């Protein structure tokens, strides 16, 4: 049995001094005085990881994906969705096989848990493809059937204004796949309809979508005004902290998910200006860790560490129906991180085992 004392992030976003006792699972959470200034948070769950360093998920072998999981764990992430962007279907299917094999090969507690695939495309707007290649498709026919057969698929980003989106969203939702709206030119009305059809998240709010306008609000306004989660990239580059503050005030921490959109620095992508960029300067993802994102949300946006934990761990777990992760409470997996008073990573526990 292990014990940690400090300021505990509770499932409702508040923080209280106390002690957490755990083995593989959390046994007790005692609220009591503590001299420790450490923060005890549920392990972050990153829903958008395209790769890191020179490793790109879309081209990786199963053993490389497991290596990525180990790297993420050392950085403080305890579970993640391996993300594949728009590509020919044959490449997406190959990546699916690799992710599924990596999940089967991964030993319990050997790095961040590989939860499955986030497929960001190919059903996106060509006008809002950002750094994606031009291999965009409509969500119907053989293309949709092939995507529906992917073994590891847990979450898909698509543009709701595309022909066939209504039937596609409903079919994906029936199969238990989370639909997120993004890379889209959708109007307010199109986006609101997609949320009624079952979409439950918006991918990197404000990025790669029609800009908000007071007469044509678009997808961003639909997401902010809905019950769907809004995912944000908290690196201070993709979204200015002032806009992040607006999102938090509009939705509260209970409606927001932090994702890194971590990008591999390969294939012409370089770190420049605080983010990953193509040679022409277009944003291609972030270079932050989840801990970096938590720190920015606290220091520059003004949320509490408990609220940041809600956005980084609890909300992603709820979205994916992971009932035993993302919460510091009795019975949950002991996936925990410890941060010092400056919000720097001190320790990572996965299934109760501390990483060296």
Protein backbone atom coordinates (compact mmCIF):
# COMPACT_ATOMS: atom_id res chain seq x y z
CA UNK A 1 0.00 0.00 0.00
CA UNK A 2 1.32 3.43 -0.96
CA UNK A 3 0.28 6.80 0.44
CA UNK A 4 0.53 10.31 -0.96
CA UNK A 5 -0.20 13.47 1.00
CA UNK A 6 -0.87 16.89 -0.48
CA UNK A 7 -3.53 18.92 -2.24
CA UNK A 8 -5.87 16.46 -3.97
CA UNK A 9 -7.78 17.27 -7.16
CA UNK A 10 -11.27 15.87 -6.60
CA UNK A 11 -13.66 14.72 -9.36
CA UNK A 12 -15.75 17.91 -9.14
CA UNK A 13 -12.75 20.13 -9.91
CA UNK A 14 -12.16 21.28 -6.34
CA UNK A 15 -8.96 20.65 -4.36
CA UNK A 16 -8.65 19.63 -0.73
CA UNK A 17 -5.72 18.76 1.49
CA UNK A 18 -5.55 15.09 2.36
CA UNK A 19 -4.04 11.66 1.76
CA UNK A 20 -4.54 9.10 -1.00
CA UNK A 21 -3.89 5.43 -0.21
CA UNK A 22 -3.56 3.01 -3.11
CA UNK A 23 -2.14 -0.17 -4.55
CA UNK A 24 -3.26 -0.99 -8.09
CA UNK A 25 -6.42 0.95 -7.36
CA UNK A 26 -7.20 3.82 -5.04
CA UNK A 27 -8.25 2.46 -1.68
CA UNK A 28 -9.10 5.62 0.26
CA UNK A 29 -9.10 9.39 -0.15
CA UNK A 30 -8.94 11.07 3.25
CA UNK A 31 -9.60 14.79 3.55
CA UNK A 32 -7.40 16.08 6.34
CA UNK A 33 -4.66 18.60 7.08
CA UNK A 34 -1.39 18.07 5.26
CA UNK A 35 1.97 19.82 5.39
CA UNK A 36 2.76 18.86 1.82
CA UNK A 37 2.41 21.51 -0.90
CA UNK A 38 2.41 18.90 -3.66
CA UNK A 39 -0.56 18.58 -6.01
CA UNK A 40 -2.03 15.08 -6.46
CA UNK A 41 -3.94 14.87 -9.75
CA UNK A 42 -5.57 12.08 -11.76
CA UNK A 43 -3.37 10.92 -14.62
CA UNK A 44 -3.96 13.00 -17.79
CA UNK A 45 -5.65 11.32 -20.77
CA UNK A 46 -4.61 12.85 -24.11
CA UNK A 47 -7.13 12.31 -26.91
CA UNK A 48 -4.91 13.64 -29.70
CA UNK A 49 -1.32 12.43 -30.07
CA UNK A 50 0.01 12.28 -33.63
CA UNK A 51 3.50 11.35 -32.46
CA UNK A 52 6.53 12.80 -30.73
CA UNK A 53 10.15 13.36 -31.65
CA UNK A 54 10.79 11.49 -34.89
CA UNK A 55 7.96 9.00 -34.34
CA UNK A 56 4.78 9.47 -36.38
CA UNK A 57 1.82 7.31 -35.34
CA UNK A 58 0.52 6.97 -38.89
CA UNK A 59 3.72 5.22 -40.05
CA UNK A 60 4.72 3.47 -36.83
CA UNK A 61 5.10 -0.23 -36.13
CA UNK A 62 3.38 -1.68 -33.04
CA UNK A 63 6.62 -1.67 -31.04
CA UNK A 64 7.22 2.00 -31.89
CA UNK A 65 3.72 2.90 -30.68
CA UNK A 66 4.46 1.11 -27.40
CA UNK A 67 7.71 3.11 -27.21
CA UNK A 68 5.68 6.29 -27.69
CA UNK A 69 3.43 5.18 -24.82
CA UNK A 70 6.48 4.84 -22.56
CA UNK A 71 7.71 8.30 -23.53
CA UNK A 72 4.33 9.89 -22.85
CA UNK A 73 4.16 8.22 -19.44
CA UNK A 74 7.54 9.65 -18.45
CA UNK A 75 6.15 13.07 -19.39
CA UNK A 76 3.07 12.64 -17.20
CA UNK A 77 0.40 11.27 -19.57
CA UNK A 78 -1.18 8.03 -18.36
CA UNK A 79 -3.45 7.16 -21.33
CA UNK A 80 -3.89 8.40 -24.89
CA UNK A 81 -5.48 7.99 -28.30
CA UNK A 82 -2.96 7.39 -31.07
CA UNK A 83 -4.00 9.88 -33.74
CA UNK A 84 -3.95 9.44 -37.52
CA UNK A 85 -4.73 12.36 -39.81
CA UNK A 86 -6.17 12.42 -43.31
CA UNK A 87 -4.49 9.89 -45.62
CA UNK A 88 -5.41 7.33 -48.27
CA UNK A 89 -7.61 4.64 -46.76
CA UNK A 90 -4.94 1.97 -47.24
CA UNK A 91 -2.57 3.92 -44.97
CA UNK A 92 -5.29 4.49 -42.39
CA UNK A 93 -6.05 0.77 -42.37
CA UNK A 94 -2.36 -0.08 -41.94
CA UNK A 95 -2.13 2.35 -39.02
CA UNK A 96 -5.24 0.77 -37.50
CA UNK A 97 -3.62 -2.67 -37.62
CA UNK A 98 -0.49 -1.30 -35.94
CA UNK A 99 -2.45 0.47 -33.18
CA UNK A 100 -4.60 -2.61 -32.54
CA UNK A 101 -1.49 -4.81 -32.34
CA UNK A 102 0.23 -2.33 -30.02
CA UNK A 103 -2.77 -2.43 -27.67
CA UNK A 104 -2.59 -6.22 -27.59
CA UNK A 105 1.20 -6.26 -27.14
CA UNK A 106 1.34 -3.62 -24.41
CA UNK A 107 1.82 -5.04 -20.94
CA UNK A 108 -0.30 -3.65 -18.13
CA UNK A 109 1.34 -0.50 -16.77
CA UNK A 110 4.01 -0.42 -19.51
CA UNK A 111 3.67 3.25 -20.33
CA UNK A 112 0.58 5.31 -21.01
CA UNK A 113 -2.37 3.07 -21.86
CA UNK A 114 -3.02 2.91 -25.61
CA UNK A 115 -6.78 3.43 -25.70
CA UNK A 116 -7.21 3.19 -29.46
CA UNK A 117 -7.28 5.50 -32.48
CA UNK A 118 -8.44 9.05 -32.97
CA UNK A 119 -8.98 9.35 -36.73
CA UNK A 120 -8.75 13.04 -37.62
CA UNK A 121 -10.09 12.86 -41.16
CA UNK A 122 -10.38 11.97 -43.99
CA UNK A 123 -13.94 13.31 -43.84
CA UNK A 124 -12.96 16.97 -43.47
CA UNK A 125 -13.42 20.20 -45.39
CA UNK A 126 -10.74 20.81 -48.05
CA UNK A 127 -11.05 24.52 -47.20
CA UNK A 128 -10.13 23.86 -43.55
CA UNK A 129 -7.65 21.02 -43.92
CA UNK A 130 -4.81 22.99 -42.30
CA UNK A 131 -1.68 20.83 -42.45
CA UNK A 132 -3.61 17.77 -43.67
CA UNK A 133 -2.92 16.40 -47.16
CA UNK A 134 -5.52 16.79 -49.90
CA UNK A 135 -6.81 13.19 -49.54
CA UNK A 136 -10.20 14.30 -48.23
CA UNK A 137 -13.31 12.16 -48.79
CA UNK A 138 -17.07 12.31 -48.31
CA UNK A 139 -18.40 10.24 -45.36
CA UNK A 140 -20.42 7.78 -47.37
CA UNK A 141 -20.23 4.65 -49.50
CA UNK A 142 -17.19 2.40 -49.46
CA UNK A 143 -15.03 4.99 -47.66
CA UNK A 144 -17.40 5.09 -44.69
CA UNK A 145 -17.78 1.30 -44.65
CA UNK A 146 -14.01 0.87 -44.50
CA UNK A 147 -13.64 3.41 -41.70
CA UNK A 148 -16.44 1.72 -39.75
CA UNK A 149 -14.47 -1.55 -39.89
CA UNK A 150 -11.36 -0.12 -38.21
CA UNK A 151 -10.66 -2.23 -35.12
CA UNK A 152 -9.05 0.42 -32.93
CA UNK A 153 -11.25 3.41 -33.78
CA UNK A 154 -12.58 5.19 -30.67
CA UNK A 155 -12.99 8.81 -31.86
CA UNK A 156 -13.28 10.44 -35.28
CA UNK A 157 -13.10 14.10 -36.32
CA UNK A 158 -15.25 15.05 -39.30
CA UNK A 159 -16.83 18.09 -40.94
CA UNK A 160 -20.62 18.03 -40.47
CA UNK A 161 -21.41 20.05 -43.59
CA UNK A 162 -20.17 17.32 -45.95
CA UNK A 163 -22.74 15.35 -47.99
CA UNK A 164 -23.68 12.21 -46.11
CA UNK A 165 -22.60 13.51 -42.69
CA UNK A 166 -25.98 12.99 -41.06
CA UNK A 167 -26.17 9.27 -41.83
CA UNK A 168 -22.46 8.84 -41.10
CA UNK A 169 -22.64 10.47 -37.66
CA UNK A 170 -25.63 8.37 -36.68
CA UNK A 171 -23.98 5.15 -37.91
CA UNK A 172 -20.72 5.91 -36.08
CA UNK A 173 -22.54 6.77 -32.86
CA UNK A 174 -24.53 3.51 -33.06
CA UNK A 175 -21.24 1.65 -33.24
CA UNK A 176 -20.03 3.40 -30.07
CA UNK A 177 -17.52 5.70 -31.76
CA UNK A 178 -17.28 9.25 -30.43
CA UNK A 179 -17.84 11.83 -33.18
CA UNK A 180 -16.02 15.15 -32.90
CA UNK A 181 -16.61 18.13 -35.19
CA UNK A 182 -13.63 19.88 -36.72
CA UNK A 183 -11.62 20.90 -39.79
CA UNK A 184 -14.89 22.38 -40.92
CA UNK A 185 -16.60 25.29 -42.68
CA UNK A 186 -19.90 24.44 -40.97
CA UNK A 187 -22.41 27.15 -40.26
CA UNK A 188 -24.02 27.49 -36.86
CA UNK A 189 -27.10 25.62 -38.07
CA UNK A 190 -25.12 22.75 -39.63
CA UNK A 191 -23.08 22.32 -36.48
CA UNK A 192 -26.12 22.41 -34.21
CA UNK A 193 -27.76 19.74 -36.34
CA UNK A 194 -24.65 17.52 -36.08
CA UNK A 195 -24.76 17.79 -32.28
CA UNK A 196 -28.41 16.71 -32.37
CA UNK A 197 -27.36 13.73 -34.50
CA UNK A 198 -24.96 12.63 -31.79
CA UNK A 199 -21.63 14.48 -32.12
CA UNK A 200 -20.18 14.94 -28.63
CA UNK A 201 -17.00 16.98 -29.03
CA UNK A 202 -15.32 19.69 -31.06
CA UNK A 203 -11.72 19.16 -32.14
CA UNK A 204 -9.23 21.94 -31.24
CA UNK A 205 -11.75 24.73 -30.75
CA UNK A 206 -11.15 27.83 -32.92
CA UNK A 207 -8.45 26.07 -34.99
CA UNK A 208 -9.24 24.82 -38.53
CA UNK A 209 -12.84 26.01 -38.42
CA UNK A 210 -14.81 29.01 -39.70
CA UNK A 211 -13.88 32.04 -37.57
CA UNK A 212 -16.55 33.32 -35.21
CA UNK A 213 -18.38 36.36 -36.58
CA UNK A 214 -21.18 38.23 -34.87
CA UNK A 215 -23.52 37.65 -37.84
CA UNK A 216 -22.18 34.22 -38.91
CA UNK A 217 -21.15 32.48 -35.67
CA UNK A 218 -20.19 29.13 -37.22
CA UNK A 219 -19.03 25.88 -35.62
CA UNK A 220 -17.13 27.45 -32.71
CA UNK A 221 -20.23 29.26 -31.45
CA UNK A 222 -22.35 26.12 -31.83
CA UNK A 223 -19.88 24.15 -29.71
CA UNK A 224 -19.57 26.82 -27.03
CA UNK A 225 -23.34 27.03 -26.80
CA UNK A 226 -23.92 23.25 -26.62
CA UNK A 227 -23.44 20.37 -24.20
CA UNK A 228 -20.72 18.84 -26.41
CA UNK A 229 -17.21 18.95 -24.99
CA UNK A 230 -14.84 21.47 -26.55
CA UNK A 231 -11.23 20.33 -26.89
CA UNK A 232 -8.53 23.00 -26.85
CA UNK A 233 -4.78 22.99 -27.46
CA UNK A 234 -3.36 24.86 -24.44
CA UNK A 235 0.03 25.91 -25.80
CA UNK A 236 -0.62 29.66 -26.05
CA UNK A 237 0.02 29.51 -29.81
CA UNK A 238 -2.95 27.68 -31.31
CA UNK A 239 -5.34 29.68 -29.12
CA UNK A 240 -4.49 32.92 -27.33
CA UNK A 241 -4.94 32.66 -23.54
CA UNK A 242 -7.57 35.41 -23.71
CA UNK A 243 -9.69 33.19 -25.97
CA UNK A 244 -9.13 30.25 -23.66
CA UNK A 245 -10.45 32.40 -20.80
CA UNK A 246 -13.57 33.14 -22.85
CA UNK A 247 -14.08 29.42 -23.48
CA UNK A 248 -13.69 28.59 -19.79
CA UNK A 249 -16.11 31.33 -18.74
CA UNK A 250 -18.65 30.17 -21.31
CA UNK A 251 -18.43 26.44 -20.65
CA UNK A 252 -16.70 26.11 -17.25
CA UNK A 253 -14.07 23.45 -16.67
CA UNK A 254 -16.73 20.74 -16.84
CA UNK A 255 -17.22 21.32 -20.57
CA UNK A 256 -13.60 21.53 -21.76
CA UNK A 257 -11.00 18.90 -22.65
CA UNK A 258 -7.27 19.58 -22.91
CA UNK A 259 -5.46 17.85 -25.78
CA UNK A 260 -1.91 18.40 -26.95
CA UNK A 261 -2.36 17.62 -30.67
CA UNK A 262 1.29 16.60 -30.27
CA UNK A 263 3.07 16.39 -33.63
CA UNK A 264 6.14 14.46 -34.70
CA UNK A 265 9.03 16.58 -35.92
CA UNK A 266 9.56 14.72 -39.17
CA UNK A 267 8.53 14.87 -42.81
CA UNK A 268 9.12 18.61 -43.17
CA UNK A 269 7.55 19.52 -39.83
CA UNK A 270 9.79 21.60 -37.57
CA UNK A 271 9.48 23.26 -34.16
CA UNK A 272 9.23 27.00 -34.71
CA UNK A 273 7.51 29.82 -32.87
CA UNK A 274 6.40 27.60 -30.01
CA UNK A 275 4.62 24.98 -32.14
CA UNK A 276 5.11 22.40 -34.87
CA UNK A 277 4.96 23.99 -38.31
CA UNK A 278 5.29 23.15 -41.99
CA UNK A 279 7.95 24.89 -44.05
CA UNK A 280 5.44 27.57 -45.13
CA UNK A 281 4.66 28.40 -41.49
CA UNK A 282 1.30 26.64 -41.23
CA UNK A 283 0.59 25.11 -37.85
CA UNK A 284 0.93 21.32 -37.86
CA UNK A 285 0.31 20.55 -34.18
CA UNK A 286 1.93 21.30 -30.86
CA UNK A 287 5.17 20.42 -29.11
CA UNK A 288 3.82 20.52 -25.56
CA UNK A 289 3.16 17.82 -22.98
CA UNK A 290 -0.06 17.53 -21.03
CA UNK A 291 1.75 18.90 -17.98
CA UNK A 292 2.77 21.97 -20.02
CA UNK A 293 -0.90 22.43 -20.93
CA UNK A 294 -2.05 22.12 -17.33
CA UNK A 295 0.54 24.68 -16.25
CA UNK A 296 -0.49 27.17 -18.94
CA UNK A 297 -4.16 26.84 -18.02
CA UNK A 298 -3.35 27.60 -14.38
CA UNK A 299 -0.75 30.33 -14.86
CA UNK A 300 -2.09 32.17 -17.92
CA UNK A 301 -5.79 31.34 -18.07
CA UNK A 302 -6.50 31.43 -14.34
CA UNK A 303 -8.10 28.06 -13.64
CA UNK A 304 -7.25 26.12 -10.49
CA UNK A 305 -5.13 22.93 -10.61
CA UNK A 306 -8.28 21.00 -9.76
CA UNK A 307 -10.14 22.52 -12.71
CA UNK A 308 -7.16 21.80 -14.99
CA UNK A 309 -7.23 18.16 -13.82
CA UNK A 310 -10.94 17.99 -14.64
CA UNK A 311 -10.16 19.13 -18.20
CA UNK A 312 -7.07 16.95 -18.64
CA UNK A 313 -8.24 13.69 -17.07
CA UNK A 314 -11.83 13.47 -15.83
CA UNK A 315 -13.62 14.87 -18.88
CA UNK A 316 -11.70 12.74 -21.42
CA UNK A 317 -12.48 9.66 -19.32
CA UNK A 318 -16.19 10.52 -19.26
CA UNK A 319 -16.23 11.13 -23.03
CA UNK A 320 -14.73 7.68 -23.70
CA UNK A 321 -16.88 6.00 -21.01
CA UNK A 322 -13.79 5.01 -19.00
CA UNK A 323 -15.43 4.55 -15.62
CA UNK A 324 -12.26 3.55 -13.75
CA UNK A 325 -9.88 6.30 -14.93
CA UNK A 326 -9.50 10.04 -14.64
CA UNK A 327 -10.67 10.41 -11.04
CA UNK A 328 -9.03 10.47 -7.62
CA UNK A 329 -11.63 8.44 -5.77
CA UNK A 330 -11.93 5.03 -4.13
CA UNK A 331 -12.08 2.20 -6.67
CA UNK A 332 -10.46 4.06 -9.56
CA UNK A 333 -7.22 2.91 -11.13
CA UNK A 334 -4.27 4.42 -9.35
CA UNK A 335 -3.19 6.46 -12.37
CA UNK A 336 -1.85 9.54 -10.61
CA UNK A 337 0.62 12.35 -11.08
CA UNK A 338 2.30 14.49 -8.44
CA UNK A 339 3.25 18.09 -9.22
CA UNK A 340 5.26 20.43 -7.03
CA UNK A 341 4.06 23.89 -6.05
CA UNK A 342 5.41 25.27 -9.37
CA UNK A 343 3.36 22.60 -11.21
CA UNK A 344 6.45 20.70 -12.33
CA UNK A 345 6.22 16.93 -12.57
CA UNK A 346 7.55 15.06 -9.53
CA UNK A 347 6.11 11.56 -9.91
CA UNK A 348 3.93 9.41 -12.16
CA UNK A 349 1.99 6.34 -11.00
CA UNK A 350 0.36 3.98 -13.49
CA UNK A 351 -1.77 1.27 -11.97
CA UNK A 352 -0.18 2.13 -8.64
CA UNK A 353 3.38 1.58 -9.86
CA UNK A 354 5.72 4.57 -9.77
CA UNK A 355 7.69 5.13 -12.94
CA UNK A 356 11.43 5.49 -12.54
